[in-house]
Amino acid sequence: MRVVFAGTPEAAVVALEAVVASRHEVVGVVTRPDAPAGRGRKLVASPVAQYAEELGGIEILKPVKPSDPEFLARMRDIAPDCCPVVAYGGLLPQAALDIPTHGWINLHFSVLPAWRGAAPVQHAIIAGDDVTGASTFRIVKALDAGPVYGVLTEPIGPSDTSGDLLHRLAVSGSKLLVDTLDGIESGILEAREQPRDGVTLAPKINVEDAELDLTAPAQRVDRLVRGCNPAPGAWTMFRGERLKVLAVQLTDDELKPGELQATKSSVRVGTGSKAVELVTVQPQGKKPMAAADWARGVRLTDEDRLGPAA
């Protein structure tokens, strides 16, 4: 089939590579416009756009909105048979959905109908799920509600971050996406409507959502830290400034919520149940560092605490 691939972040590049290597012809790529990045805030192309540029010979479309008339007209001229989608990040209007013969086929990183939305991997970890997965489905107007072509499952390990899990799903999901395109082309694969029961939502996690509640049980603190790693990064307050907490370990120690205890090699903080050991932290304006190094640098006192009042 002639396909136009839509995607934006690094996780989508894995799938684009798989589609390029398949029997299908990638005749175009749709991605988000260049965005400011780095300290200089220079405009930088998305990872998908950068990969497509390296390949050469592939038209790259960067509409501000997928409803832009110029974009829709160009898509009609290209006339793709199908449009595989992985984390594109834009809301597709019906006018765009109607263009490809076989629709827009999304690779979504959950077992639908669970975790519909922008951050399924993060929410699965934060909720304490044991298993997640990936689904391919035909995009319809309602959010992640279209009929499903294929599903795979993936266990969530006790130390998995969202970055770890997303990488594994991007690799296994890319094969699922290609298999789905193959099945659609051959006519042997039919989409099935999603069950009405079991719908959960996974909206984007903002910085405000990533604030740690140290009165919560240690397991919940650990899950939020892992679910928000690498972005946006779980955080708490220390001496009036934000301190990102990038990795923790559960312990059997007893400390009051927010109470700090440091040795030469470790730092522990109390939660609503057992204490957790701070493994990696990132002070405001600095690079990530070992928590023990951070503690030595700030010279912790007995009065120091983590939390809103700290």
C-alpha atoms as a PDB file:
ATOM      1  CA  MET A   1       0.000   0.000   0.000  1.00  0.00           C
ATOM      2  CA  ARG A   2       0.939   3.641  -0.427  1.00  0.00           C
ATOM      3  CA  VAL A   3       1.061   5.026   3.105  1.00  0.00           C
ATOM      4  CA  VAL A   4       1.561   8.385   4.789  1.00  0.00           C
ATOM      5  CA  PHE A   5       3.031   7.944   8.281  1.00  0.00           C
ATOM      6  CA  ALA A   6       1.998  10.342  11.056  1.00  0.00           C
ATOM      7  CA  GLY A   7       4.077  10.656  14.220  1.00  0.00           C
ATOM      8  CA  THR A   8       6.251  13.038  16.195  1.00  0.00           C
ATOM      9  CA  PRO A   9       8.422  11.793  19.135  1.00  0.00           C
ATOM     10  CA  GLU A  10      11.330   9.379  19.323  1.00  0.00           C
ATOM     11  CA  ALA A  11       9.001   6.486  20.187  1.00  0.00           C
ATOM     12  CA  ALA A  12       7.352   6.896  16.772  1.00  0.00           C
ATOM     13  CA  VAL A  13      10.654   6.628  14.887  1.00  0.00           C
ATOM     14  CA  VAL A  14      10.905   2.920  15.701  1.00  0.00           C
ATOM     15  CA  ALA A  15       7.555   2.315  14.020  1.00  0.00           C
ATOM     16  CA  LEU A  16       8.433   4.484  11.027  1.00  0.00           C
ATOM     17  CA  GLU A  17      11.633   2.479  10.557  1.00  0.00           C
ATOM     18  CA  ALA A  18       9.588  -0.739  10.567  1.00  0.00           C
ATOM     19  CA  VAL A  19       7.069   0.593   8.041  1.00  0.00           C
ATOM     20  CA  VAL A  20       9.864   1.848   5.766  1.00  0.00           C
ATOM     21  CA  ALA A  21      11.454  -1.619   5.886  1.00  0.00           C
ATOM     22  CA  SER A  22       8.126  -3.330   5.107  1.00  0.00           C
ATOM     23  CA  ARG A  23       6.554  -4.042   1.722  1.00  0.00           C
ATOM     24  CA  HIS A  24       4.530  -0.826   1.972  1.00  0.00           C
ATOM     25  CA  GLU A  25       5.603   2.396   0.239  1.00  0.00           C
ATOM     26  CA  VAL A  26       5.986   5.413   2.524  1.00  0.00           C
ATOM     27  CA  VAL A  27       5.097   8.355   0.293  1.00  0.00           C
ATOM     28  CA  GLY A  28       4.835  11.002   3.009  1.00  0.00           C
ATOM     29  CA  VAL A  29       5.252  11.828   6.684  1.00  0.00           C
ATOM     30  CA  VAL A  30       3.001  14.039   8.798  1.00  0.00           C
ATOM     31  CA  THR A  31       4.504  15.457  11.976  1.00  0.00           C
ATOM     32  CA  ARG A  32       4.158  18.400  14.331  1.00  0.00           C
ATOM     33  CA  PRO A  33       5.792  21.721  13.391  1.00  0.00           C
ATOM     34  CA  ASP A  34       9.352  22.479  14.497  1.00  0.00           C
ATOM     35  CA  ALA A  35       9.419  23.461  18.175  1.00  0.00           C
ATOM     36  CA  PRO A  36      11.839  25.423  20.415  1.00  0.00           C
ATOM     37  CA  ALA A  37      14.321  23.213  22.268  1.00  0.00           C
ATOM     38  CA  GLY A  38      17.453  23.510  24.375  1.00  0.00           C
ATOM     39  CA  ARG A  39      18.843  26.508  26.199  1.00  0.00           C
ATOM     40  CA  GLY A  40      18.936  28.589  23.051  1.00  0.00           C
ATOM     41  CA  ARG A  41      15.287  27.740  22.324  1.00  0.00           C
ATOM     42  CA  LYS A  42      16.089  27.255  18.650  1.00  0.00           C
ATOM     43  CA  LEU A  43      13.463  25.657  16.438  1.00  0.00           C
ATOM     44  CA  VAL A  44      14.152  21.941  16.086  1.00  0.00           C
ATOM     45  CA  ALA A  45      12.428  19.410  13.843  1.00  0.00           C
ATOM     46  CA  SER A  46      10.671  16.480  15.491  1.00  0.00           C
ATOM     47  CA  PRO A  47      12.533  13.126  15.723  1.00  0.00           C
ATOM     48  CA  VAL A  48      10.206  11.725  13.042  1.00  0.00           C
ATOM     49  CA  ALA A  49      10.925  14.649  10.712  1.00  0.00           C
ATOM     50  CA  GLN A  50      14.669  14.299  11.300  1.00  0.00           C
ATOM     51  CA  TYR A  51      14.569  10.591  10.450  1.00  0.00           C
ATOM     52  CA  ALA A  52      12.505  11.213   7.302  1.00  0.00           C
ATOM     53  CA  GLU A  53      14.961  13.922   6.206  1.00  0.00           C
ATOM     54  CA  GLU A  54      17.857  11.476   6.624  1.00  0.00           C
ATOM     55  CA  LEU A  55      16.067   8.940   4.431  1.00  0.00           C
ATOM     56  CA  GLY A  56      15.418  11.467   1.703  1.00  0.00           C
ATOM     57  CA  GLY A  57      12.783  11.218  -0.995  1.00  0.00           C
ATOM     58  CA  ILE A  58       9.869  11.368   1.468  1.00  0.00           C
ATOM     59  CA  GLU A  59       7.600  14.413   1.528  1.00  0.00           C
ATOM     60  CA  ILE A  60       7.335  15.875   5.042  1.00  0.00           C
ATOM     61  CA  LEU A  61       4.163  17.730   6.009  1.00  0.00           C
ATOM     62  CA  LYS A  62       4.106  19.886   9.158  1.00  0.00           C
ATOM     63  CA  PRO A  63       0.635  21.435   9.421  1.00  0.00           C
ATOM     64  CA  VAL A  64      -0.012  23.795  12.322  1.00  0.00           C
ATOM     65  CA  LYS A  65      -3.437  22.161  12.439  1.00  0.00           C
ATOM     66  CA  PRO A  66      -4.495  19.010  10.555  1.00  0.00           C
ATOM     67  CA  SER A  67      -7.621  20.915   9.577  1.00  0.00           C
ATOM     68  CA  ASP A  68      -5.608  23.431   7.522  1.00  0.00           C
ATOM     69  CA  PRO A  69      -7.077  23.537   3.974  1.00  0.00           C
ATOM     70  CA  GLU A  70      -3.619  23.439   2.376  1.00  0.00           C
ATOM     71  CA  PHE A  71      -2.726  20.263   4.289  1.00  0.00           C
ATOM     72  CA  LEU A  72      -6.008  18.546   3.427  1.00  0.00           C
ATOM     73  CA  ALA A  73      -5.612  19.450  -0.230  1.00  0.00           C
ATOM     74  CA  ARG A  74      -2.087  18.048  -0.331  1.00  0.00           C
ATOM     75  CA  MET A  75      -3.220  14.840   1.362  1.00  0.00           C
ATOM     76  CA  ARG A  76      -5.940  14.429  -1.277  1.00  0.00           C
ATOM     77  CA  ASP A  77      -3.316  14.896  -3.995  1.00  0.00           C
ATOM     78  CA  ILE A  78      -1.063  12.251  -2.431  1.00  0.00           C
ATOM     79  CA  ALA A  79      -4.086   9.922  -2.113  1.00  0.00           C
ATOM     80  CA  PRO A  80      -2.621   7.386   0.356  1.00  0.00           C
ATOM     81  CA  ASP A  81      -4.205   3.975   0.746  1.00  0.00           C
ATOM     82  CA  CYS A  82      -3.655   4.077   4.512  1.00  0.00           C
ATOM     83  CA  CYS A  83      -2.129   6.321   7.173  1.00  0.00           C
ATOM     84  CA  PRO A  84      -0.373   4.589  10.104  1.00  0.00           C
ATOM     85  CA  VAL A  85      -0.182   6.832  13.173  1.00  0.00           C
ATOM     86  CA  VAL A  86       2.076   6.679  16.253  1.00  0.00           C
ATOM     87  CA  ALA A  87       1.941   9.501  18.815  1.00  0.00           C
ATOM     88  CA  TYR A  88       1.282  12.232  16.258  1.00  0.00           C
ATOM     89  CA  GLY A  89      -0.084  14.708  18.802  1.00  0.00           C
ATOM     90  CA  GLY A  90      -2.729  16.440  16.696  1.00  0.00           C
ATOM     91  CA  LEU A  91      -6.493  16.021  16.522  1.00  0.00           C
ATOM     92  CA  LEU A  92      -7.477  14.732  13.084  1.00  0.00           C
ATOM     93  CA  PRO A  93     -10.715  16.211  11.661  1.00  0.00           C
ATOM     94  CA  GLN A  94     -13.223  14.057   9.821  1.00  0.00           C
ATOM     95  CA  ALA A  95     -12.145  15.645   6.535  1.00  0.00           C
ATOM     96  CA  ALA A  96      -8.675  14.158   7.068  1.00  0.00           C
ATOM     97  CA  LEU A  97      -9.986  10.815   8.312  1.00  0.00           C
ATOM     98  CA  ASP A  98     -11.981  10.395   5.091  1.00  0.00           C
ATOM     99  CA  ILE A  99      -8.990  10.743   2.741  1.00  0.00           C
ATOM    100  CA  PRO A 100      -7.157   7.375   2.882  1.00  0.00           C
ATOM    101  CA  THR A 101      -9.051   4.367   1.536  1.00  0.00           C
ATOM    102  CA  HIS A 102      -8.338   2.273   4.632  1.00  0.00           C
ATOM    103  CA  GLY A 103      -8.353   5.115   7.146  1.00  0.00           C
ATOM    104  CA  TRP A 104      -5.800   6.200   9.724  1.00  0.00           C
ATOM    105  CA  ILE A 105      -4.512   3.240  11.760  1.00  0.00           C
ATOM    106  CA  ASN A 106      -3.211   4.201  15.184  1.00  0.00           C
ATOM    107  CA  LEU A 107      -0.669   2.281  17.274  1.00  0.00           C
ATOM    108  CA  HIS A 108      -1.709   3.078  20.849  1.00  0.00           C
ATOM    109  CA  PHE A 109       0.318   1.962  23.860  1.00  0.00           C
ATOM    110  CA  SER A 110      -2.384   0.294  25.954  1.00  0.00           C
ATOM    111  CA  VAL A 111      -4.787  -2.616  25.713  1.00  0.00           C
ATOM    112  CA  LEU A 112      -7.887  -0.711  24.660  1.00  0.00           C
ATOM    113  CA  PRO A 113     -10.361   0.306  25.991  1.00  0.00           C
ATOM    114  CA  ALA A 114      -8.019   0.836  28.959  1.00  0.00           C
ATOM    115  CA  TRP A 115      -6.090   4.098  29.115  1.00  0.00           C
ATOM    116  CA  ARG A 116      -7.453   6.088  26.221  1.00  0.00           C
ATOM    117  CA  GLY A 117      -5.579   9.358  25.877  1.00  0.00           C
ATOM    118  CA  ALA A 118      -2.174  10.983  25.579  1.00  0.00           C
ATOM    119  CA  ALA A 119      -0.277   9.249  28.420  1.00  0.00           C
ATOM    120  CA  PRO A 120      -1.322   5.576  28.615  1.00  0.00           C
ATOM    121  CA  VAL A 121       2.076   4.209  29.668  1.00  0.00           C
ATOM    122  CA  GLN A 122       2.512   6.739  32.468  1.00  0.00           C
ATOM    123  CA  HIS A 123      -0.980   6.147  33.821  1.00  0.00           C
ATOM    124  CA  ALA A 124      -0.600   2.358  33.731  1.00  0.00           C
ATOM    125  CA  ILE A 125       2.501   2.563  35.929  1.00  0.00           C
ATOM    126  CA  ILE A 126       1.049   5.169  38.285  1.00  0.00           C
ATOM    127  CA  ALA A 127      -2.117   3.093  38.732  1.00  0.00           C
ATOM    128  CA  GLY A 128      -0.078   0.023  39.644  1.00  0.00           C
ATOM    129  CA  ASP A 129      -1.131  -2.133  36.678  1.00  0.00           C
ATOM    130  CA  ASP A 130       0.731  -5.420  36.329  1.00  0.00           C
ATOM    131  CA  VAL A 131       0.219  -5.674  32.572  1.00  0.00           C
ATOM    132  CA  THR A 132      -0.217  -3.217  29.716  1.00  0.00           C
ATOM    133  CA  GLY A 133       0.299  -3.539  25.978  1.00  0.00           C
ATOM    134  CA  ALA A 134      -0.369  -1.987  22.604  1.00  0.00           C
ATOM    135  CA  SER A 135      -3.333  -1.876  20.233  1.00  0.00           C
ATOM    136  CA  THR A 136      -3.818  -0.986  16.593  1.00  0.00           C
ATOM    137  CA  PHE A 137      -7.177   0.585  15.749  1.00  0.00           C
ATOM    138  CA  ARG A 138      -8.891   2.701  13.126  1.00  0.00           C
ATOM    139  CA  ILE A 139      -9.160   6.310  14.250  1.00  0.00           C
ATOM    140  CA  VAL A 140     -12.666   7.734  14.611  1.00  0.00           C
ATOM    141  CA  LYS A 141     -13.837  11.099  15.887  1.00  0.00           C
ATOM    142  CA  ALA A 142     -14.178   9.926  19.528  1.00  0.00           C
ATOM    143  CA  LEU A 143     -10.923   9.712  21.497  1.00  0.00           C
ATOM    144  CA  ASP A 144      -9.164   6.339  20.961  1.00  0.00           C
ATOM    145  CA  ALA A 145     -12.576   4.681  20.553  1.00  0.00           C
ATOM    146  CA  GLY A 146     -12.237   3.156  17.087  1.00  0.00           C
ATOM    147  CA  PRO A 147     -12.462  -0.542  16.226  1.00  0.00           C
ATOM    148  CA  VAL A 148      -9.374  -2.595  17.088  1.00  0.00           C
ATOM    149  CA  TYR A 149      -7.322  -4.662  14.611  1.00  0.00           C
ATOM    150  CA  GLY A 150      -4.688  -6.199  16.890  1.00  0.00           C
ATOM    151  CA  VAL A 151      -3.422  -6.310  20.466  1.00  0.00           C
ATOM    152  CA  LEU A 152      -0.267  -7.372  22.292  1.00  0.00           C
ATOM    153  CA  THR A 153       0.472  -7.459  26.021  1.00  0.00           C
ATOM    154  CA  GLU A 154       3.556  -6.517  28.025  1.00  0.00           C
ATOM    155  CA  PRO A 155       4.221  -7.086  31.756  1.00  0.00           C
ATOM    156  CA  ILE A 156       5.120  -4.058  33.865  1.00  0.00           C
ATOM    157  CA  GLY A 157       8.184  -4.770  36.005  1.00  0.00           C
ATOM    158  CA  PRO A 158       8.537  -3.456  39.588  1.00  0.00           C
ATOM    159  CA  SER A 159      11.315  -1.076  38.547  1.00  0.00           C
ATOM    160  CA  ASP A 160      10.004  -0.042  35.121  1.00  0.00           C
ATOM    161  CA  THR A 161       9.890   3.654  34.350  1.00  0.00           C
ATOM    162  CA  SER A 162       7.589   5.023  31.675  1.00  0.00           C
ATOM    163  CA  GLY A 163      10.685   5.457  29.511  1.00  0.00           C
ATOM    164  CA  ASP A 164      11.644   1.783  29.898  1.00  0.00           C
ATOM    165  CA  LEU A 165       8.155   0.542  29.162  1.00  0.00           C
ATOM    166  CA  LEU A 166       7.559   2.901  26.252  1.00  0.00           C
ATOM    167  CA  HIS A 167      10.758   1.727  24.583  1.00  0.00           C
ATOM    168  CA  ARG A 168       9.745  -1.931  24.805  1.00  0.00           C
ATOM    169  CA  LEU A 169       6.251  -1.192  23.523  1.00  0.00           C
ATOM    170  CA  ALA A 170       7.615   0.916  20.669  1.00  0.00           C
ATOM    171  CA  VAL A 171       9.709  -2.051  19.503  1.00  0.00           C
ATOM    172  CA  SER A 172       7.038  -4.744  19.850  1.00  0.00           C
ATOM    173  CA  GLY A 173       4.300  -2.372  18.691  1.00  0.00           C
ATOM    174  CA  SER A 174       6.128  -1.553  15.462  1.00  0.00           C
ATOM    175  CA  LYS A 175       5.811  -5.198  14.392  1.00  0.00           C
ATOM    176  CA  LEU A 176       2.133  -5.179  15.373  1.00  0.00           C
ATOM    177  CA  LEU A 177       1.606  -2.075  13.225  1.00  0.00           C
ATOM    178  CA  VAL A 178       3.271  -3.622  10.165  1.00  0.00           C
ATOM    179  CA  ASP A 179       1.329  -6.871  10.658  1.00  0.00           C
ATOM    180  CA  THR A 180      -1.854  -4.809  10.813  1.00  0.00           C
ATOM    181  CA  LEU A 181      -1.036  -3.001   7.566  1.00  0.00           C
ATOM    182  CA  ASP A 182      -0.258  -6.348   5.923  1.00  0.00           C
ATOM    183  CA  GLY A 183      -3.562  -7.796   7.104  1.00  0.00           C
ATOM    184  CA  ILE A 184      -5.549  -4.798   5.896  1.00  0.00           C
ATOM    185  CA  GLU A 185      -3.912  -4.929   2.471  1.00  0.00           C
ATOM    186  CA  SER A 186      -4.549  -8.657   2.071  1.00  0.00           C
ATOM    187  CA  GLY A 187      -8.133  -8.315   3.297  1.00  0.00           C
ATOM    188  CA  ILE A 188      -7.796 -10.989   5.993  1.00  0.00           C
ATOM    189  CA  LEU A 189      -7.925  -8.636   8.981  1.00  0.00           C
ATOM    190  CA  GLU A 190     -11.132  -7.110  10.297  1.00  0.00           C
ATOM    191  CA  ALA A 191     -11.440  -4.541  13.056  1.00  0.00           C
ATOM    192  CA  ARG A 192     -13.623  -5.316  16.074  1.00  0.00           C
ATOM    193  CA  GLU A 193     -15.504  -2.735  18.094  1.00  0.00           C
ATOM    194  CA  GLN A 194     -14.084  -2.035  21.548  1.00  0.00           C
ATOM    195  CA  PRO A 195     -15.956  -3.314  24.627  1.00  0.00           C
ATOM    196  CA  ARG A 196     -18.086  -0.716  26.325  1.00  0.00           C
ATOM    197  CA  ASP A 197     -16.849  -1.794  29.751  1.00  0.00           C
ATOM    198  CA  GLY A 198     -13.347  -1.156  31.081  1.00  0.00           C
ATOM    199  CA  VAL A 199     -12.825   2.319  29.633  1.00  0.00           C
ATOM    200  CA  THR A 200     -10.217   4.355  31.533  1.00  0.00           C
ATOM    201  CA  LEU A 201      -8.724   7.703  30.545  1.00  0.00           C
ATOM    202  CA  ALA A 202      -5.064   8.725  30.395  1.00  0.00           C
ATOM    203  CA  PRO A 203      -4.840  12.506  29.945  1.00  0.00           C
ATOM    204  CA  LYS A 204      -1.482  14.224  29.544  1.00  0.00           C
ATOM    205  CA  ILE A 205       0.425  14.467  32.817  1.00  0.00           C
ATOM    206  CA  ASN A 206       1.405  18.049  33.559  1.00  0.00           C
ATOM    207  CA  VAL A 207       4.079  19.306  35.950  1.00  0.00           C
ATOM    208  CA  GLU A 208       1.403  20.002  38.569  1.00  0.00           C
ATOM    209  CA  ASP A 209       0.238  16.376  38.385  1.00  0.00           C
ATOM    210  CA  ALA A 210       3.780  15.168  39.117  1.00  0.00           C
ATOM    211  CA  GLU A 211       4.050  16.692  42.603  1.00  0.00           C
ATOM    212  CA  LEU A 212       4.771  13.999  45.197  1.00  0.00           C
ATOM    213  CA  ASP A 213       2.385  13.540  48.118  1.00  0.00           C
ATOM    214  CA  LEU A 214       4.685  12.247  50.838  1.00  0.00           C
ATOM    215  CA  THR A 215       1.719  11.469  53.093  1.00  0.00           C
ATOM    216  CA  ALA A 216       0.737   8.773  50.568  1.00  0.00           C
ATOM    217  CA  PRO A 217       1.987   5.176  50.940  1.00  0.00           C
ATOM    218  CA  ALA A 218       5.509   4.439  49.752  1.00  0.00           C
ATOM    219  CA  GLN A 219       4.267   2.268  46.878  1.00  0.00           C
ATOM    220  CA  ARG A 220       2.227   5.149  45.486  1.00  0.00           C
ATOM    221  CA  VAL A 221       5.211   7.508  45.743  1.00  0.00           C
ATOM    222  CA  ASP A 222       7.385   4.961  43.928  1.00  0.00           C
ATOM    223  CA  ARG A 223       4.824   4.526  41.134  1.00  0.00           C
ATOM    224  CA  LEU A 224       4.481   8.269  40.566  1.00  0.00           C
ATOM    225  CA  VAL A 225       8.259   8.652  40.400  1.00  0.00           C
ATOM    226  CA  ARG A 226       8.571   5.809  37.847  1.00  0.00           C
ATOM    227  CA  GLY A 227       5.522   6.917  35.869  1.00  0.00           C
ATOM    228  CA  CYS A 228       6.845  10.468  35.516  1.00  0.00           C
ATOM    229  CA  ASN A 229      10.351   9.404  34.492  1.00  0.00           C
ATOM    230  CA  PRO A 230      11.658  10.759  32.147  1.00  0.00           C
ATOM    231  CA  ALA A 231       8.946  13.414  31.772  1.00  0.00           C
ATOM    232  CA  PRO A 232       7.696  15.553  33.338  1.00  0.00           C
ATOM    233  CA  GLY A 233       9.654  14.271  36.365  1.00  0.00           C
ATOM    234  CA  ALA A 234       8.152  13.814  39.832  1.00  0.00           C
ATOM    235  CA  TRP A 235       9.052  16.592  42.222  1.00  0.00           C
ATOM    236  CA  THR A 236       8.720  17.962  45.727  1.00  0.00           C
ATOM    237  CA  MET A 237       9.892  21.074  47.585  1.00  0.00           C
ATOM    238  CA  PHE A 238      13.172  21.543  49.441  1.00  0.00           C
ATOM    239  CA  ARG A 239      14.144  24.855  51.052  1.00  0.00           C
ATOM    240  CA  GLY A 240      11.625  26.703  48.901  1.00  0.00           C
ATOM    241  CA  GLU A 241      12.748  25.252  45.558  1.00  0.00           C
ATOM    242  CA  ARG A 242      11.585  22.339  43.471  1.00  0.00           C
ATOM    243  CA  LEU A 243      13.580  19.142  43.711  1.00  0.00           C
ATOM    244  CA  LYS A 244      12.944  16.528  41.055  1.00  0.00           C
ATOM    245  CA  VAL A 245      12.956  12.943  42.279  1.00  0.00           C
ATOM    246  CA  LEU A 246      13.911  10.672  39.379  1.00  0.00           C
ATOM    247  CA  ALA A 247      14.382   7.327  41.150  1.00  0.00           C
ATOM    248  CA  VAL A 248      13.602   5.837  44.567  1.00  0.00           C
ATOM    249  CA  GLN A 249      13.761   2.446  46.260  1.00  0.00           C
ATOM    250  CA  LEU A 250      11.357   1.017  48.811  1.00  0.00           C
ATOM    251  CA  THR A 251      12.708   0.345  52.303  1.00  0.00           C
ATOM    252  CA  ASP A 252      11.467  -1.029  55.635  1.00  0.00           C
ATOM    253  CA  ASP A 253      12.585   2.059  57.557  1.00  0.00           C
ATOM    254  CA  GLU A 254      10.175   4.164  59.596  1.00  0.00           C
ATOM    255  CA  LEU A 255      10.235   7.942  59.140  1.00  0.00           C
ATOM    256  CA  LYS A 256       7.546  10.605  59.348  1.00  0.00           C
ATOM    257  CA  PRO A 257       6.232  11.948  56.011  1.00  0.00           C
ATOM    258  CA  GLY A 258       8.809  14.340  54.581  1.00  0.00           C
ATOM    259  CA  GLU A 259      11.413  13.591  57.257  1.00  0.00           C
ATOM    260  CA  LEU A 260      14.943  13.168  55.865  1.00  0.00           C
ATOM    261  CA  GLN A 261      17.664  10.811  57.076  1.00  0.00           C
ATOM    262  CA  ALA A 262      21.090  10.788  55.419  1.00  0.00           C
ATOM    263  CA  THR A 263      24.229   8.677  55.708  1.00  0.00           C
ATOM    264  CA  LYS A 264      27.422   8.862  53.646  1.00  0.00           C
ATOM    265  CA  SER A 265      25.931   6.579  50.994  1.00  0.00           C
ATOM    266  CA  SER A 266      22.151   6.995  51.153  1.00  0.00           C
ATOM    267  CA  VAL A 267      19.259   9.397  51.738  1.00  0.00           C
ATOM    268  CA  ARG A 268      15.830   8.330  52.962  1.00  0.00           C
ATOM    269  CA  VAL A 269      12.589  10.273  53.204  1.00  0.00           C
ATOM    270  CA  GLY A 270       9.446   9.351  55.094  1.00  0.00           C
ATOM    271  CA  THR A 271       6.092   8.715  53.443  1.00  0.00           C
ATOM    272  CA  GLY A 272       2.639   7.743  54.680  1.00  0.00           C
ATOM    273  CA  SER A 273       3.897   4.190  55.254  1.00  0.00           C
ATOM    274  CA  LYS A 274       7.567   3.139  55.054  1.00  0.00           C
ATOM    275  CA  ALA A 275      10.416   5.429  54.067  1.00  0.00           C
ATOM    276  CA  VAL A 276      11.790   5.414  50.526  1.00  0.00           C
ATOM    277  CA  GLU A 277      15.438   5.811  49.598  1.00  0.00           C
ATOM    278  CA  LEU A 278      16.153   8.665  47.236  1.00  0.00           C
ATOM    279  CA  VAL A 279      18.392   7.298  44.472  1.00  0.00           C
ATOM    280  CA  THR A 280      18.558  10.068  41.849  1.00  0.00           C
ATOM    281  CA  VAL A 281      17.455  13.675  42.241  1.00  0.00           C
ATOM    282  CA  GLN A 282      17.722  16.854  40.203  1.00  0.00           C
ATOM    283  CA  PRO A 283      17.932  20.214  41.991  1.00  0.00           C
ATOM    284  CA  GLN A 284      16.420  23.198  40.226  1.00  0.00           C
ATOM    285  CA  GLY A 285      18.696  24.421  37.431  1.00  0.00           C
ATOM    286  CA  LYS A 286      21.133  21.511  37.767  1.00  0.00           C
ATOM    287  CA  LYS A 287      21.725  18.100  36.208  1.00  0.00           C
ATOM    288  CA  PRO A 288      20.509  14.825  37.726  1.00  0.00           C
ATOM    289  CA  MET A 289      22.788  13.480  40.468  1.00  0.00           C
ATOM    290  CA  ALA A 290      23.028  10.736  43.058  1.00  0.00           C
ATOM    291  CA  ALA A 291      20.925  11.657  46.088  1.00  0.00           C
ATOM    292  CA  ALA A 292      23.856  11.062  48.448  1.00  0.00           C
ATOM    293  CA  ASP A 293      25.951  13.599  46.500  1.00  0.00           C
ATOM    294  CA  TRP A 294      23.086  16.082  46.622  1.00  0.00           C
ATOM    295  CA  ALA A 295      22.717  15.634  50.396  1.00  0.00           C
ATOM    296  CA  ARG A 296      26.414  16.281  50.988  1.00  0.00           C
ATOM    297  CA  GLY A 297      26.301  19.370  48.805  1.00  0.00           C
ATOM    298  CA  VAL A 298      23.335  20.991  50.579  1.00  0.00           C
ATOM    299  CA  ARG A 299      24.535  19.918  54.059  1.00  0.00           C
ATOM    300  CA  LEU A 300      21.278  18.569  55.403  1.00  0.00           C
ATOM    301  CA  THR A 301      20.243  19.608  58.894  1.00  0.00           C
ATOM    302  CA  ASP A 302      17.874  17.947  61.366  1.00  0.00           C
ATOM    303  CA  GLU A 303      15.266  20.581  60.520  1.00  0.00           C
ATOM    304  CA  ASP A 304      15.250  19.922  56.760  1.00  0.00           C
ATOM    305  CA  ARG A 305      12.130  18.333  55.259  1.00  0.00           C
ATOM    306  CA  LEU A 306      10.726  17.532  51.857  1.00  0.00           C
ATOM    307  CA  GLY A 307       7.233  18.627  50.958  1.00  0.00           C
ATOM    308  CA  PRO A 308       4.993  21.663  50.413  1.00  0.00           C
ATOM    309  CA  ALA A 309       6.118  23.470  53.572  1.00  0.00           C
ATOM    310  CA  ALA A 310       9.805  22.651  53.058  1.00  0.00           C
END
